Amino acid sequence: MSEMNAGVSGRGASPLGEEIVGRINRLAEISEAPDNLTRIFLTPELRAAADLIMTWMREAGMSAHLDAIGNVCGRYEGERLGLPCLMLGSHYDTVRDAGRWDGPLGVLTAISCVADLNKRGRRFPFAIEVVGFADEEGVRFASTLLGSRAVAGTFNERVLASKDSAGVSMREALVQFGLDPDDIGAAARTRGQLLAYVELHIEQGPVLEARGLPVGVVSAIAGATRLAARLTGMAGHAGTVPMALRQDALAGAAECIAAIEQLCRADEGGLVGTVGYIHAMPGATNVIPGKAHFTIDMRAPTDTHRNRAVTEMVRQIEAIAKRRKLELQLDVTHENRTVPCAPWLKAQIAEAAAAEDYPVFELASGAGHDGMAMVDIADVAMVFVRCRGGISHHPDEHVEVADADAGARVLLRLIENFRPRLAG
């Protein structure tokens, strides 16, 4: 292990955690609803949050601006102007009725780290950029990773025609936000401009807490396959159609859901499957459902594993539909590949954690993150921070001050000892 920089002490008192938590709480006050946290893409609340984040970036010694998709971008120059950067980031949008830590923890921790470096006059043979991505969650237009895809140069302009629940298109929303949809290409970066992308994020699961660890090194971001299933049978009177003659679409959906759960429970390799939505029609108490729609979300640590599981799941669903004499329509609505974290970056994060006297523990991320888009232009890695109960996407989402501080210490030590990967 290489010698660590003495500028970052061990586990003594540090103001970083308290500063980060204070800012997390202040940012959480910016919401479209007074009784819960909701801050979605291209809304006045997102703009207010962006302005506050840019203020903190400038106070930390960075230049800051809003890019063409609404990402908040800060830059801390290196030993000379224009050097390639180590990019740190996460997202600052939320789901509806959200927790306050998912996304902003990574952005605000990075800002606090840069502020500490600036205070000590530290400059490096690389720049540091901090990016708060404007839309990772995909709540408003049902299309995720919009901010990071724009930076990675993979933004699909067809989504500009997507409309929200009020009928406002993404193109219209960008204009209302003060941005030009035709300039989105200007947000794109090239591989030569980035040395690496590192994201600090709450774990959103219970593994670190179960092991009594404040931080973890992410091994990979699991890919996901999402499908929409539609079963069509025959509606009928609940009192007159014998059980043996029914074509009950909801009962068929229930059997499919149970089969998905059984398939995933029997798997010992980390496969997870979720049916998060179901709708039966006509939806009357005394009518046999003639139609049932449901969604499927399948995730696994590797693409091969996930693809095999999806194939088996489809086989089972088709068999259930055939036996029950139901018409089946099954469409893939979303597919993201698994993104392994770069070994050379993982090694440096592990060194930083060990130097702070934290056990080095690797775990996969079952949730998606902006690194899934950023991998197209840079090697990526992630630091996980423990969250209480593994709860996320919920108001009870919580990180202790000491754990926020632990994440900041690891990230700061990583920056101070960052060694870019040599070309070739």
Protein backbone atom coordinates (compact mmCIF):
# COMPACT_ATOMS: atom_id res chain seq x y z
CA MET A 1 0.00 0.00 0.00
CA SER A 2 1.37 3.42 -0.89
CA GLU A 3 2.01 6.00 1.82
CA MET A 4 -1.08 8.08 2.57
CA ASN A 5 -1.03 11.87 2.70
CA ALA A 6 -0.81 13.19 6.25
CA GLY A 7 -3.23 16.03 5.51
CA VAL A 8 -6.20 13.85 6.45
CA SER A 9 -6.15 12.54 9.98
CA GLY A 10 -7.57 9.28 11.30
CA ARG A 11 -10.86 9.11 13.18
CA GLY A 12 -10.45 12.26 15.24
CA ALA A 13 -13.02 15.03 15.37
CA SER A 14 -13.90 16.44 11.94
CA PRO A 15 -16.27 19.22 10.92
CA LEU A 16 -17.00 17.59 7.55
CA GLY A 17 -19.83 15.35 8.73
CA GLU A 18 -21.64 18.13 10.57
CA GLU A 19 -21.27 20.50 7.63
CA ILE A 20 -22.61 17.91 5.21
CA VAL A 21 -25.59 17.01 7.40
CA GLY A 22 -26.44 20.68 7.90
CA ARG A 23 -26.48 21.24 4.17
CA ILE A 24 -28.47 18.06 3.56
CA ASN A 25 -31.15 19.38 5.90
CA ARG A 26 -31.13 22.82 4.31
CA LEU A 27 -31.43 21.38 0.80
CA ALA A 28 -34.33 19.19 1.95
CA GLU A 29 -36.32 22.33 2.76
CA ILE A 30 -36.60 22.95 -0.99
CA SER A 31 -39.63 20.90 -2.02
CA GLU A 32 -42.82 21.30 -4.02
CA ALA A 33 -44.84 20.09 -1.01
CA PRO A 34 -44.56 21.38 2.57
CA ASP A 35 -45.20 18.01 4.20
CA ASN A 36 -42.82 15.84 2.15
CA LEU A 37 -39.70 16.09 0.02
CA THR A 38 -40.37 16.14 -3.71
CA ARG A 39 -37.92 17.81 -6.09
CA ILE A 40 -38.19 16.63 -9.66
CA PHE A 41 -36.65 17.51 -13.00
CA LEU A 42 -37.03 21.01 -14.47
CA THR A 43 -39.25 22.41 -11.70
CA PRO A 44 -38.85 25.69 -9.80
CA GLU A 45 -37.76 23.63 -6.79
CA LEU A 46 -34.97 22.03 -8.78
CA ARG A 47 -33.81 25.47 -9.92
CA ALA A 48 -33.79 26.78 -6.34
CA ALA A 49 -31.76 23.76 -5.28
CA ALA A 50 -29.34 24.29 -8.17
CA ASP A 51 -28.79 27.91 -7.17
CA LEU A 52 -28.06 26.92 -3.58
CA ILE A 53 -25.65 24.18 -4.63
CA MET A 54 -23.81 26.57 -6.95
CA THR A 55 -23.45 29.01 -4.06
CA TRP A 56 -21.80 26.29 -1.97
CA MET A 57 -19.56 25.34 -4.90
CA ARG A 58 -18.32 28.90 -5.27
CA GLU A 59 -17.76 29.21 -1.53
CA ALA A 60 -15.64 26.05 -1.79
CA GLY A 61 -13.35 27.70 -4.36
CA MET A 62 -14.92 26.34 -7.53
CA SER A 63 -16.28 28.03 -10.60
CA ALA A 64 -19.88 26.90 -11.09
CA HIS A 65 -22.52 26.92 -13.78
CA LEU A 66 -25.72 25.21 -14.92
CA ASP A 67 -25.22 23.17 -18.08
CA ALA A 68 -27.61 22.64 -20.98
CA ILE A 69 -29.65 19.87 -19.28
CA GLY A 70 -29.78 21.49 -15.83
CA ASN A 71 -26.80 19.73 -14.24
CA VAL A 72 -24.97 21.79 -11.61
CA CYS A 73 -21.27 21.79 -12.52
CA GLY A 74 -18.40 22.99 -10.35
CA ARG A 75 -14.69 22.98 -11.26
CA TYR A 76 -11.63 23.28 -9.03
CA GLU A 77 -8.60 23.84 -11.22
CA GLY A 78 -5.40 21.87 -10.83
CA GLU A 79 -1.81 23.07 -10.77
CA ARG A 80 -2.50 24.77 -14.09
CA LEU A 81 -5.64 25.61 -16.02
CA GLY A 82 -7.38 23.15 -18.31
CA LEU A 83 -6.10 19.84 -16.91
CA PRO A 84 -8.22 16.67 -17.23
CA CYS A 85 -10.42 16.13 -14.18
CA LEU A 86 -11.32 13.63 -11.54
CA MET A 87 -15.11 13.94 -11.66
CA LEU A 88 -17.14 13.45 -8.49
CA GLY A 89 -20.90 13.54 -8.49
CA SER A 90 -24.38 12.23 -7.90
CA HIS A 91 -27.89 13.58 -8.48
CA TYR A 92 -29.91 16.28 -6.77
CA ASP A 93 -33.41 15.36 -7.96
CA THR A 94 -35.62 13.11 -5.82
CA VAL A 95 -38.47 10.65 -6.08
CA ARG A 96 -41.83 11.76 -4.70
CA ASP A 97 -42.12 11.75 -0.90
CA ALA A 98 -38.40 11.08 -0.79
CA GLY A 99 -35.65 10.76 1.73
CA ARG A 100 -33.12 13.58 1.84
CA TRP A 101 -29.89 11.60 1.42
CA ASP A 102 -30.29 9.70 -1.87
CA GLY A 103 -28.17 11.66 -4.35
CA PRO A 104 -27.43 14.92 -2.50
CA LEU A 105 -25.08 13.16 -0.05
CA GLY A 106 -22.63 12.50 -2.88
CA VAL A 107 -22.83 16.03 -4.27
CA LEU A 108 -22.50 17.80 -0.93
CA THR A 109 -19.75 15.51 0.35
CA ALA A 110 -17.69 16.25 -2.75
CA ILE A 111 -18.20 20.00 -2.27
CA SER A 112 -17.09 19.80 1.36
CA CYS A 113 -13.99 17.86 0.35
CA VAL A 114 -13.05 20.49 -2.23
CA ALA A 115 -13.66 23.24 0.31
CA ASP A 116 -11.24 21.53 2.71
CA LEU A 117 -8.60 21.25 -0.01
CA ASN A 118 -9.07 24.89 -1.02
CA LYS A 119 -8.76 26.04 2.58
CA ARG A 120 -5.39 24.28 2.77
CA GLY A 121 -4.27 25.55 -0.62
CA ARG A 122 -3.99 22.08 -2.12
CA ARG A 123 -3.79 21.79 -5.91
CA PHE A 124 -3.09 18.67 -7.95
CA PRO A 125 -1.83 17.63 -11.37
CA PHE A 126 -5.49 17.22 -12.29
CA ALA A 127 -8.65 19.28 -11.86
CA ILE A 128 -11.59 18.24 -9.72
CA GLU A 129 -15.10 18.60 -11.03
CA VAL A 130 -18.25 18.12 -8.98
CA VAL A 131 -21.50 17.49 -10.84
CA GLY A 132 -25.03 17.40 -9.45
CA PHE A 133 -27.02 15.56 -12.10
CA ALA A 134 -30.45 17.06 -12.73
CA ASP A 135 -32.44 13.88 -13.35
CA GLU A 136 -31.33 10.43 -12.28
CA GLU A 137 -34.64 9.20 -10.88
CA GLY A 138 -36.72 9.65 -14.04
CA VAL A 139 -39.88 10.61 -12.14
CA ARG A 140 -41.24 13.32 -14.40
CA PHE A 141 -40.71 11.88 -17.87
CA ALA A 142 -40.22 8.17 -17.05
CA SER A 143 -36.70 8.20 -18.49
CA THR A 144 -33.81 7.80 -16.07
CA LEU A 145 -30.21 9.10 -16.05
CA LEU A 146 -31.03 12.12 -18.22
CA GLY A 147 -28.39 14.36 -16.65
CA SER A 148 -25.55 11.87 -16.79
CA ARG A 149 -26.48 10.68 -20.27
CA ALA A 150 -26.19 14.27 -21.48
CA VAL A 151 -22.69 14.54 -19.97
CA ALA A 152 -21.72 11.17 -21.43
CA GLY A 153 -22.95 12.21 -24.88
CA THR A 154 -25.57 9.45 -25.03
CA PHE A 155 -28.70 11.56 -24.49
CA ASN A 156 -31.49 10.35 -26.78
CA GLU A 157 -33.16 13.43 -28.25
CA ARG A 158 -36.33 11.46 -28.93
CA VAL A 159 -37.18 11.71 -25.22
CA LEU A 160 -37.63 15.47 -25.69
CA ALA A 161 -41.11 14.65 -26.98
CA SER A 162 -42.02 12.78 -23.78
CA LYS A 163 -44.79 14.40 -21.74
CA ASP A 164 -45.34 14.56 -18.01
CA SER A 165 -48.65 13.90 -16.25
CA ALA A 166 -49.78 17.47 -16.99
CA GLY A 167 -49.11 17.08 -20.71
CA VAL A 168 -45.97 19.24 -20.71
CA SER A 169 -43.26 17.92 -23.01
CA MET A 170 -39.65 17.74 -21.93
CA ARG A 171 -38.78 20.20 -24.67
CA GLU A 172 -41.32 22.68 -23.29
CA ALA A 173 -40.12 22.11 -19.72
CA LEU A 174 -36.53 22.85 -20.68
CA VAL A 175 -37.57 26.15 -22.24
CA GLN A 176 -39.63 27.05 -19.15
CA PHE A 177 -36.55 26.27 -17.03
CA GLY A 178 -34.52 28.73 -19.11
CA LEU A 179 -32.59 26.17 -21.14
CA ASP A 180 -32.40 25.56 -24.89
CA PRO A 181 -33.24 21.95 -25.86
CA ASP A 182 -31.14 22.32 -29.00
CA ASP A 183 -28.03 22.98 -26.87
CA ILE A 184 -28.09 19.70 -24.92
CA GLY A 185 -25.18 18.41 -26.98
CA ALA A 186 -23.04 21.13 -25.42
CA ALA A 187 -23.23 19.32 -22.06
CA ALA A 188 -21.36 16.32 -23.48
CA ARG A 189 -17.81 15.62 -22.33
CA THR A 190 -15.16 13.48 -23.97
CA ARG A 191 -13.15 10.61 -22.54
CA GLY A 192 -9.96 12.67 -22.67
CA GLN A 193 -11.44 15.30 -20.36
CA LEU A 194 -12.07 12.83 -17.52
CA LEU A 195 -9.52 10.72 -15.64
CA ALA A 196 -12.26 8.89 -13.73
CA TYR A 197 -15.76 9.26 -12.31
CA VAL A 198 -16.30 8.50 -8.61
CA GLU A 199 -19.67 8.66 -6.86
CA LEU A 200 -20.36 8.56 -3.14
CA HIS A 201 -23.89 7.41 -2.31
CA ILE A 202 -25.94 5.90 0.47
CA GLU A 203 -26.10 2.13 0.16
CA GLN A 204 -29.94 2.03 -0.04
CA GLY A 205 -29.77 -1.43 1.49
CA PRO A 206 -29.02 -3.15 4.82
CA VAL A 207 -25.71 -4.89 4.15
CA LEU A 208 -23.30 -2.34 5.65
CA GLU A 209 -25.49 -1.91 8.73
CA ALA A 210 -25.69 -5.67 9.23
CA ARG A 211 -21.90 -5.83 9.18
CA GLY A 212 -21.42 -2.79 11.39
CA LEU A 213 -19.53 -0.88 8.69
CA PRO A 214 -19.84 2.83 7.92
CA VAL A 215 -18.51 2.60 4.35
CA GLY A 216 -18.12 0.07 1.57
CA VAL A 217 -16.39 -0.27 -1.79
CA VAL A 218 -18.84 -0.94 -4.62
CA SER A 219 -17.86 -3.83 -6.90
CA ALA A 220 -20.44 -3.28 -9.64
CA ILE A 221 -23.73 -1.56 -10.42
CA ALA A 222 -26.23 -4.27 -11.22
CA GLY A 223 -28.01 -4.16 -14.54
CA ALA A 224 -31.78 -4.33 -14.76
CA THR A 225 -34.40 -5.68 -17.13
CA ARG A 226 -37.93 -4.31 -16.85
CA LEU A 227 -40.91 -5.80 -18.61
CA ALA A 228 -44.59 -4.99 -18.98
CA ALA A 229 -46.90 -8.03 -18.95
CA ARG A 230 -50.48 -8.02 -20.21
CA LEU A 231 -52.75 -11.00 -19.72
CA THR A 232 -56.13 -11.14 -21.45
CA GLY A 233 -58.78 -13.68 -20.54
CA MET A 234 -62.55 -13.38 -20.37
CA ALA A 235 -64.54 -11.23 -17.98
CA GLY A 236 -67.61 -12.90 -16.52
CA HIS A 237 -70.10 -12.95 -13.68
CA ALA A 238 -68.53 -13.85 -10.34
CA GLY A 239 -71.50 -16.03 -9.38
CA THR A 240 -72.32 -17.88 -12.59
CA VAL A 241 -69.04 -18.96 -14.23
CA PRO A 242 -67.73 -22.24 -12.73
CA MET A 243 -64.13 -22.18 -11.53
CA ALA A 244 -63.03 -24.77 -14.06
CA LEU A 245 -64.32 -22.69 -16.98
CA ARG A 246 -62.84 -19.36 -16.00
CA GLN A 247 -60.20 -17.40 -17.88
CA ASP A 248 -59.31 -15.18 -14.94
CA ALA A 249 -56.54 -12.79 -15.96
CA LEU A 250 -55.87 -11.62 -12.40
CA ALA A 251 -55.57 -15.16 -11.06
CA GLY A 252 -53.14 -15.86 -13.90
CA ALA A 253 -51.14 -12.75 -13.01
CA ALA A 254 -51.06 -13.88 -9.37
CA GLU A 255 -49.61 -17.23 -10.39
CA CYS A 256 -47.01 -15.49 -12.56
CA ILE A 257 -46.03 -13.22 -9.67
CA ALA A 258 -45.65 -16.18 -7.33
CA ALA A 259 -43.50 -17.93 -9.93
CA ILE A 260 -41.23 -14.88 -10.22
CA GLU A 261 -40.82 -14.76 -6.45
CA GLN A 262 -40.08 -18.48 -6.24
CA LEU A 263 -37.52 -18.27 -9.06
CA CYS A 264 -35.65 -15.47 -7.33
CA ARG A 265 -35.85 -16.97 -3.84
CA ALA A 266 -34.39 -20.23 -5.12
CA ASP A 267 -31.43 -18.40 -6.65
CA GLU A 268 -28.37 -18.11 -4.43
CA GLY A 269 -26.46 -15.70 -6.65
CA GLY A 270 -28.10 -12.38 -5.80
CA LEU A 271 -31.01 -12.45 -8.27
CA VAL A 272 -33.92 -10.19 -7.28
CA GLY A 273 -37.27 -9.76 -8.94
CA THR A 274 -40.04 -7.28 -8.20
CA VAL A 275 -43.59 -6.81 -9.40
CA GLY A 276 -44.20 -3.22 -8.37
CA TYR A 277 -47.44 -2.50 -10.21
CA ILE A 278 -50.56 -4.46 -11.09
CA HIS A 279 -53.87 -3.36 -12.53
CA ALA A 280 -56.92 -5.57 -13.10
CA MET A 281 -59.92 -4.76 -15.28
CA PRO A 282 -62.80 -4.17 -15.22
CA GLY A 283 -62.10 -3.85 -11.49
CA ALA A 284 -65.53 -4.67 -10.05
CA THR A 285 -66.11 -6.84 -6.98
CA ASN A 286 -68.53 -9.17 -8.71
CA VAL A 287 -66.77 -9.44 -12.11
CA ILE A 288 -64.06 -11.94 -13.03
CA PRO A 289 -61.09 -9.87 -14.26
CA GLY A 290 -60.73 -10.16 -18.00
CA LYS A 291 -57.46 -8.22 -18.20
CA ALA A 292 -54.47 -7.80 -15.92
CA HIS A 293 -51.38 -5.68 -16.46
CA PHE A 294 -48.28 -5.90 -14.29
CA THR A 295 -44.64 -4.87 -14.35
CA ILE A 296 -41.52 -6.93 -13.71
CA ASP A 297 -38.10 -5.70 -12.60
CA MET A 298 -35.25 -8.26 -12.66
CA ARG A 299 -31.72 -7.56 -11.41
CA ALA A 300 -28.59 -9.64 -10.86
CA PRO A 301 -24.87 -9.02 -10.30
CA THR A 302 -23.96 -10.00 -13.88
CA ASP A 303 -25.65 -9.62 -17.24
CA THR A 304 -25.31 -13.34 -17.99
CA HIS A 305 -27.03 -14.23 -14.73
CA ARG A 306 -29.83 -11.74 -15.29
CA ASN A 307 -30.39 -12.74 -18.91
CA ARG A 308 -30.64 -16.43 -18.01
CA ALA A 309 -33.11 -15.63 -15.25
CA VAL A 310 -35.24 -13.48 -17.55
CA THR A 311 -35.31 -16.26 -20.13
CA GLU A 312 -36.47 -18.76 -17.52
CA MET A 313 -39.03 -16.35 -16.11
CA VAL A 314 -40.49 -15.72 -19.58
CA ARG A 315 -40.69 -19.47 -20.16
CA GLN A 316 -42.65 -19.95 -16.95
CA ILE A 317 -45.02 -17.05 -17.61
CA GLU A 318 -45.72 -18.32 -21.12
CA ALA A 319 -46.50 -21.77 -19.72
CA ILE A 320 -48.89 -20.32 -17.12
CA ALA A 321 -50.70 -18.25 -19.74
CA LYS A 322 -51.03 -21.23 -22.09
CA ARG A 323 -52.37 -23.53 -19.37
CA ARG A 324 -54.90 -20.93 -18.26
CA LYS A 325 -55.89 -20.09 -21.85
CA LEU A 326 -54.85 -16.46 -21.49
CA GLU A 327 -53.41 -14.25 -24.19
CA LEU A 328 -50.02 -12.90 -23.22
CA GLN A 329 -48.17 -9.79 -24.32
CA LEU A 330 -44.74 -9.33 -22.77
CA ASP A 331 -42.62 -6.30 -23.69
CA VAL A 332 -39.17 -5.25 -22.49
CA THR A 333 -39.50 -1.60 -21.45
CA HIS A 334 -36.03 -0.98 -20.05
CA GLU A 335 -32.66 -2.70 -20.08
CA ASN A 336 -29.43 -1.51 -18.51
CA ARG A 337 -26.22 -3.45 -18.58
CA THR A 338 -24.25 -4.27 -15.45
CA VAL A 339 -21.41 -1.81 -14.91
CA PRO A 340 -18.34 -3.22 -13.13
CA CYS A 341 -16.38 -0.69 -11.11
CA ALA A 342 -12.82 -0.26 -12.40
CA PRO A 343 -10.36 -2.42 -10.40
CA TRP A 344 -7.70 0.32 -10.28
CA LEU A 345 -10.22 2.76 -8.79
CA LYS A 346 -11.59 0.22 -6.34
CA ALA A 347 -8.05 -0.41 -5.14
CA GLN A 348 -7.51 3.28 -4.42
CA ILE A 349 -10.82 3.56 -2.55
CA ALA A 350 -9.87 0.48 -0.53
CA GLU A 351 -6.51 2.11 0.33
CA ALA A 352 -8.29 5.26 1.44
CA ALA A 353 -10.73 3.33 3.63
CA ALA A 354 -7.95 1.26 5.20
CA ALA A 355 -5.89 4.36 5.89
CA GLU A 356 -8.86 5.77 7.81
CA ASP A 357 -8.95 2.51 9.83
CA TYR A 358 -12.19 1.27 8.26
CA PRO A 359 -12.44 -2.39 7.25
CA VAL A 360 -12.40 -2.81 3.47
CA PHE A 361 -15.58 -4.50 2.31
CA GLU A 362 -16.85 -4.87 -1.25
CA LEU A 363 -20.51 -5.12 -2.17
CA ALA A 364 -22.55 -4.80 -5.33
CA SER A 365 -25.14 -2.10 -5.89
CA GLY A 366 -28.59 -3.42 -6.68
CA ALA A 367 -29.82 0.10 -7.44
CA GLY A 368 -28.97 2.03 -10.57
CA HIS A 369 -26.70 5.08 -10.44
CA ASP A 370 -25.32 7.77 -12.75
CA GLY A 371 -22.16 5.72 -13.16
CA MET A 372 -24.17 3.49 -15.49
CA ALA A 373 -24.16 6.35 -18.00
CA MET A 374 -20.75 7.80 -17.15
CA VAL A 375 -18.98 4.51 -17.91
CA ASP A 376 -19.30 5.37 -21.60
CA ILE A 377 -16.65 8.10 -21.20
CA ALA A 378 -14.69 7.16 -18.07
CA ASP A 379 -13.80 4.37 -15.67
CA VAL A 380 -16.19 4.55 -12.72
CA ALA A 381 -16.21 3.62 -9.04
CA MET A 382 -18.45 4.16 -6.03
CA VAL A 383 -18.20 4.58 -2.27
CA PHE A 384 -21.22 3.43 -0.28
CA VAL A 385 -22.18 5.01 3.04
CA ARG A 386 -24.31 3.15 5.59
CA CYS A 387 -27.95 4.22 5.91
CA ARG A 388 -30.14 3.35 8.86
CA GLY A 389 -32.21 0.23 8.34
CA GLY A 390 -31.22 0.12 4.69
CA ILE A 391 -34.23 2.39 4.05
CA SER A 392 -34.28 4.56 0.94
CA HIS A 393 -36.83 6.29 -1.30
CA HIS A 394 -38.74 6.97 1.93
CA PRO A 395 -38.89 9.86 4.41
CA ASP A 396 -37.22 7.64 7.05
CA GLU A 397 -34.03 7.48 4.98
CA HIS A 398 -31.22 8.52 7.36
CA VAL A 399 -27.44 8.73 7.70
CA GLU A 400 -25.72 9.38 11.03
CA VAL A 401 -23.34 12.33 11.26
CA ALA A 402 -20.44 9.96 12.03
CA ASP A 403 -21.15 7.94 8.88
CA ALA A 404 -21.42 11.07 6.72
CA ASP A 405 -18.06 12.06 8.16
CA ALA A 406 -16.60 8.61 7.44
CA GLY A 407 -17.63 8.84 3.80
CA ALA A 408 -16.14 12.33 3.54
CA ARG A 409 -12.84 11.19 5.07
CA VAL A 410 -12.53 8.31 2.62
CA LEU A 411 -13.39 10.51 -0.37
CA LEU A 412 -11.02 13.27 0.72
CA ARG A 413 -8.15 10.82 1.21
CA LEU A 414 -8.90 9.28 -2.18
CA ILE A 415 -8.65 12.71 -3.83
CA GLU A 416 -5.41 13.64 -2.09
CA ASN A 417 -3.77 10.38 -3.12
CA PHE A 418 -5.45 9.89 -6.49
CA ARG A 419 -3.21 8.32 -9.09
CA PRO A 420 -4.58 8.51 -12.65
CA ARG A 421 -4.41 5.34 -14.66
CA LEU A 422 -1.58 5.46 -17.18
CA ALA A 423 -2.65 5.29 -20.80
CA GLY A 424 -2.28 1.88 -22.33
